[in-house]
Amino acid sequence: MLYLLSILFRALSGVQNGFYYGKNMLGVSMTTMTLIFISFLTILVWDTPALATYTLAFSMGFCAWLYFVFLSKQGDKIHLVETLLTGSYTLAIAFLDIPTAILSVYPGLVLHKMGVNYLGGWPVFYEGTDDPKGKYYSIYIFGKQIKIPRTNFKIRFILAVLSIALYILYLLKSPLKFNIIDVFIWLKELL
């Protein structure tokens, strides 16, 4: 269920963007309320709602910091919202299960881009909604610009199919689940 919620959350953030580009503020509002509801459903997966609340709050703050410190689009409101929503949600999921968080990104991203395109008035597989600056996006680490290549729809689709296949294998083959807290404990023991 967590995997599907993660994919749905990422996809709906694209629907939200598509409504924004299509200037449909009612659609943006309804999608935002749905995203909040999915966050509530995710809290139910946790044993302790207080832990879920702290984790989601930490994730939101951490992703805001990442956005303003490392990404170059500080003036772009829709990408700020997108980064905060999808980044914080994915990070919060990693507190429950890292493979679920990682392997849900590309299936959700494919649906996300399709939602942006369709509701923005473009063909579903349109690649023009990618960053108009070119084939890279930039992050800044300590004042240095690092260019990261963008993927096209075909590559994203292949990565989405591969992610789903790997997740199925993970469910079938792995008796072990691990999360961010487990990684911290492991690092502490290692040091």
Protein backbone atom coordinates (compact mmCIF):
# COMPACT_ATOMS: atom_id res chain seq x y z
CA MET A 1 0.00 0.00 0.00
CA LEU A 2 2.85 2.41 0.84
CA TYR A 3 4.39 1.91 -2.61
CA LEU A 4 1.12 2.73 -4.36
CA LEU A 5 0.53 5.77 -2.12
CA SER A 6 4.04 7.00 -2.97
CA ILE A 7 3.44 6.65 -6.71
CA LEU A 8 0.00 8.24 -6.44
CA PHE A 9 1.38 11.15 -4.42
CA ARG A 10 4.07 11.91 -7.01
CA ALA A 11 1.59 11.53 -9.87
CA LEU A 12 -0.91 13.89 -8.24
CA SER A 13 1.74 16.55 -7.76
CA GLY A 14 2.00 16.50 -11.56
CA VAL A 15 -1.77 16.83 -11.83
CA GLN A 16 -1.51 19.80 -9.48
CA ASN A 17 1.17 21.36 -11.72
CA GLY A 18 -0.91 20.67 -14.82
CA PHE A 19 -3.90 22.47 -13.29
CA TYR A 20 -1.54 25.35 -12.40
CA TYR A 21 -0.20 25.60 -15.96
CA GLY A 22 -3.78 25.34 -17.26
CA LYS A 23 -4.76 28.19 -14.88
CA ASN A 24 -7.37 26.04 -13.14
CA MET A 25 -7.05 27.12 -9.50
CA LEU A 26 -10.02 25.01 -8.38
CA GLY A 27 -8.19 21.97 -9.76
CA VAL A 28 -5.01 23.05 -7.93
CA SER A 29 -6.99 23.38 -4.68
CA MET A 30 -8.75 20.03 -5.04
CA THR A 31 -5.51 18.24 -5.91
CA THR A 32 -3.76 19.85 -2.95
CA MET A 33 -6.50 18.63 -0.62
CA THR A 34 -6.13 15.14 -2.10
CA LEU A 35 -2.37 15.27 -1.48
CA ILE A 36 -3.04 16.22 2.14
CA PHE A 37 -5.46 13.28 2.41
CA ILE A 38 -2.81 10.89 1.01
CA SER A 39 -0.38 12.23 3.62
CA PHE A 40 -2.99 11.44 6.27
CA LEU A 41 -3.39 7.89 4.91
CA THR A 42 0.39 7.49 5.04
CA ILE A 43 0.42 8.49 8.71
CA LEU A 44 -1.87 5.52 9.36
CA VAL A 45 0.92 3.19 8.16
CA TRP A 46 3.14 4.31 11.05
CA ASP A 47 2.77 2.69 14.46
CA THR A 48 3.02 6.07 16.16
CA PRO A 49 1.18 9.03 14.65
CA ALA A 50 3.44 11.42 16.59
CA LEU A 51 6.51 9.93 14.88
CA ALA A 52 4.81 10.32 11.51
CA THR A 53 4.05 13.96 12.26
CA TYR A 54 7.62 14.71 13.33
CA THR A 55 9.01 12.85 10.31
CA LEU A 56 6.80 14.70 7.83
CA ALA A 57 7.60 18.04 9.47
CA PHE A 58 11.34 17.30 9.44
CA SER A 59 11.13 16.17 5.82
CA MET A 60 9.32 19.35 4.79
CA GLY A 61 11.89 21.54 6.51
CA PHE A 62 14.82 19.58 5.13
CA CYS A 63 13.45 19.73 1.57
CA ALA A 64 12.83 23.48 1.88
CA TRP A 65 16.47 23.86 2.91
CA LEU A 66 17.61 21.71 -0.02
CA TYR A 67 15.49 23.72 -2.41
CA PHE A 68 16.77 27.11 -1.36
CA VAL A 69 20.39 26.09 -0.86
CA PHE A 70 20.99 23.75 -3.80
CA LEU A 71 18.45 24.37 -6.55
CA SER A 72 18.57 27.32 -8.90
CA LYS A 73 14.84 28.06 -9.30
CA GLN A 74 14.27 30.07 -6.14
CA GLY A 75 11.71 32.38 -7.79
CA ASP A 76 9.53 29.68 -9.35
CA LYS A 77 6.49 29.09 -7.10
CA ILE A 78 5.11 25.94 -8.73
CA HIS A 79 8.49 24.21 -8.60
CA LEU A 80 8.91 25.28 -4.99
CA VAL A 81 5.60 23.65 -4.10
CA GLU A 82 6.46 20.57 -6.15
CA THR A 83 9.89 20.21 -4.55
CA LEU A 84 8.54 20.64 -1.04
CA LEU A 85 5.63 18.25 -1.56
CA THR A 86 7.28 15.42 -3.42
CA GLY A 87 10.67 15.74 -1.77
CA SER A 88 9.36 15.80 1.76
CA TYR A 89 6.90 12.98 1.13
CA THR A 90 9.58 10.76 -0.47
CA LEU A 91 12.00 11.47 2.38
CA ALA A 92 9.30 10.66 4.93
CA ILE A 93 8.62 7.34 3.17
CA ALA A 94 12.34 6.55 3.42
CA PHE A 95 11.94 6.70 7.21
CA LEU A 96 9.66 3.68 6.81
CA ASP A 97 11.36 1.83 3.95
CA ILE A 98 14.19 3.12 1.74
CA PRO A 99 13.65 0.77 -1.26
CA THR A 100 9.96 1.73 -1.37
CA ALA A 101 10.90 5.41 -1.42
CA ILE A 102 13.55 5.01 -4.13
CA LEU A 103 11.68 2.58 -6.36
CA SER A 104 8.47 4.65 -6.34
CA VAL A 105 10.12 7.77 -7.81
CA TYR A 106 10.18 6.95 -11.54
CA PRO A 107 6.75 5.30 -11.81
CA GLY A 108 5.32 8.36 -10.07
CA LEU A 109 7.43 10.72 -12.18
CA VAL A 110 6.13 9.27 -15.46
CA LEU A 111 2.54 9.76 -14.29
CA HIS A 112 3.51 13.18 -12.90
CA LYS A 113 4.80 14.38 -16.29
CA MET A 114 1.74 12.99 -18.07
CA GLY A 115 -0.52 14.93 -15.65
CA VAL A 116 1.46 18.14 -16.18
CA ASN A 117 1.26 17.75 -19.93
CA TYR A 118 -2.37 16.74 -20.30
CA LEU A 119 -3.84 19.26 -17.87
CA GLY A 120 -1.49 21.97 -19.13
CA GLY A 121 -3.03 21.55 -22.59
CA TRP A 122 -0.15 19.66 -24.23
CA PRO A 123 0.01 16.11 -25.62
CA VAL A 124 0.50 13.50 -22.86
CA PHE A 125 4.01 12.54 -24.04
CA TYR A 126 5.09 16.12 -24.78
CA GLU A 127 8.68 16.85 -23.69
CA GLY A 128 8.41 20.63 -23.97
CA THR A 129 7.42 20.94 -20.31
CA ASP A 130 10.95 19.98 -19.36
CA ASP A 131 13.16 22.82 -18.24
CA PRO A 132 13.50 25.28 -21.15
CA LYS A 133 17.09 26.03 -20.14
CA GLY A 134 18.35 22.89 -21.82
CA LYS A 135 19.29 19.30 -21.23
CA TYR A 136 20.63 19.83 -17.72
CA TYR A 137 19.42 21.13 -14.41
CA SER A 138 21.75 22.75 -11.97
CA ILE A 139 22.33 22.32 -8.29
CA TYR A 140 24.71 24.46 -6.32
CA ILE A 141 26.92 22.99 -3.64
CA PHE A 142 29.03 25.49 -1.72
CA GLY A 143 28.72 27.98 -4.57
CA LYS A 144 29.78 25.53 -7.31
CA GLN A 145 27.34 24.75 -10.08
CA ILE A 146 26.89 21.07 -10.89
CA LYS A 147 25.00 20.21 -14.08
CA ILE A 148 22.93 17.03 -13.96
CA PRO A 149 21.63 15.59 -17.24
CA ARG A 150 17.87 15.42 -17.69
CA THR A 151 16.15 12.27 -18.85
CA ASN A 152 13.64 12.19 -21.68
CA PHE A 153 10.27 10.44 -21.47
CA LYS A 154 11.56 7.21 -23.02
CA ILE A 155 14.34 6.89 -20.41
CA ARG A 156 11.92 7.77 -17.60
CA PHE A 157 9.48 5.13 -18.82
CA ILE A 158 12.21 2.47 -18.95
CA LEU A 159 13.36 3.44 -15.45
CA ALA A 160 9.74 3.28 -14.23
CA VAL A 161 9.25 -0.25 -15.60
CA LEU A 162 12.61 -1.30 -14.14
CA SER A 163 11.66 0.23 -10.77
CA ILE A 164 8.38 -1.67 -10.66
CA ALA A 165 10.14 -4.93 -11.57
CA LEU A 166 12.80 -4.35 -8.88
CA TYR A 167 10.13 -3.53 -6.31
CA ILE A 168 8.30 -6.76 -7.06
CA LEU A 169 11.59 -8.64 -6.67
CA TYR A 170 12.24 -6.76 -3.42
CA LEU A 171 8.86 -7.83 -2.07
CA LEU A 172 9.34 -11.44 -3.15
CA LYS A 173 13.00 -11.96 -2.27
CA SER A 174 13.85 -9.67 0.60
CA PRO A 175 12.89 -10.71 4.11
CA LEU A 176 14.64 -7.55 5.26
CA LYS A 177 13.13 -4.09 5.29
CA PHE A 178 15.35 -1.15 6.15
CA ASN A 179 14.78 2.53 6.72
CA ILE A 180 16.73 5.69 7.48
CA ILE A 181 16.79 4.99 11.22
CA ASP A 182 18.35 1.56 10.51
CA VAL A 183 21.04 3.28 8.41
CA PHE A 184 21.82 5.71 11.24
CA ILE A 185 22.10 2.82 13.73
CA TRP A 186 24.34 0.90 11.34
CA LEU A 187 26.59 3.94 10.83
CA LYS A 188 26.77 4.51 14.60
CA GLU A 189 27.83 0.89 15.15
CA LEU A 190 30.33 1.15 12.32
CA LEU A 191 31.98 4.20 13.85
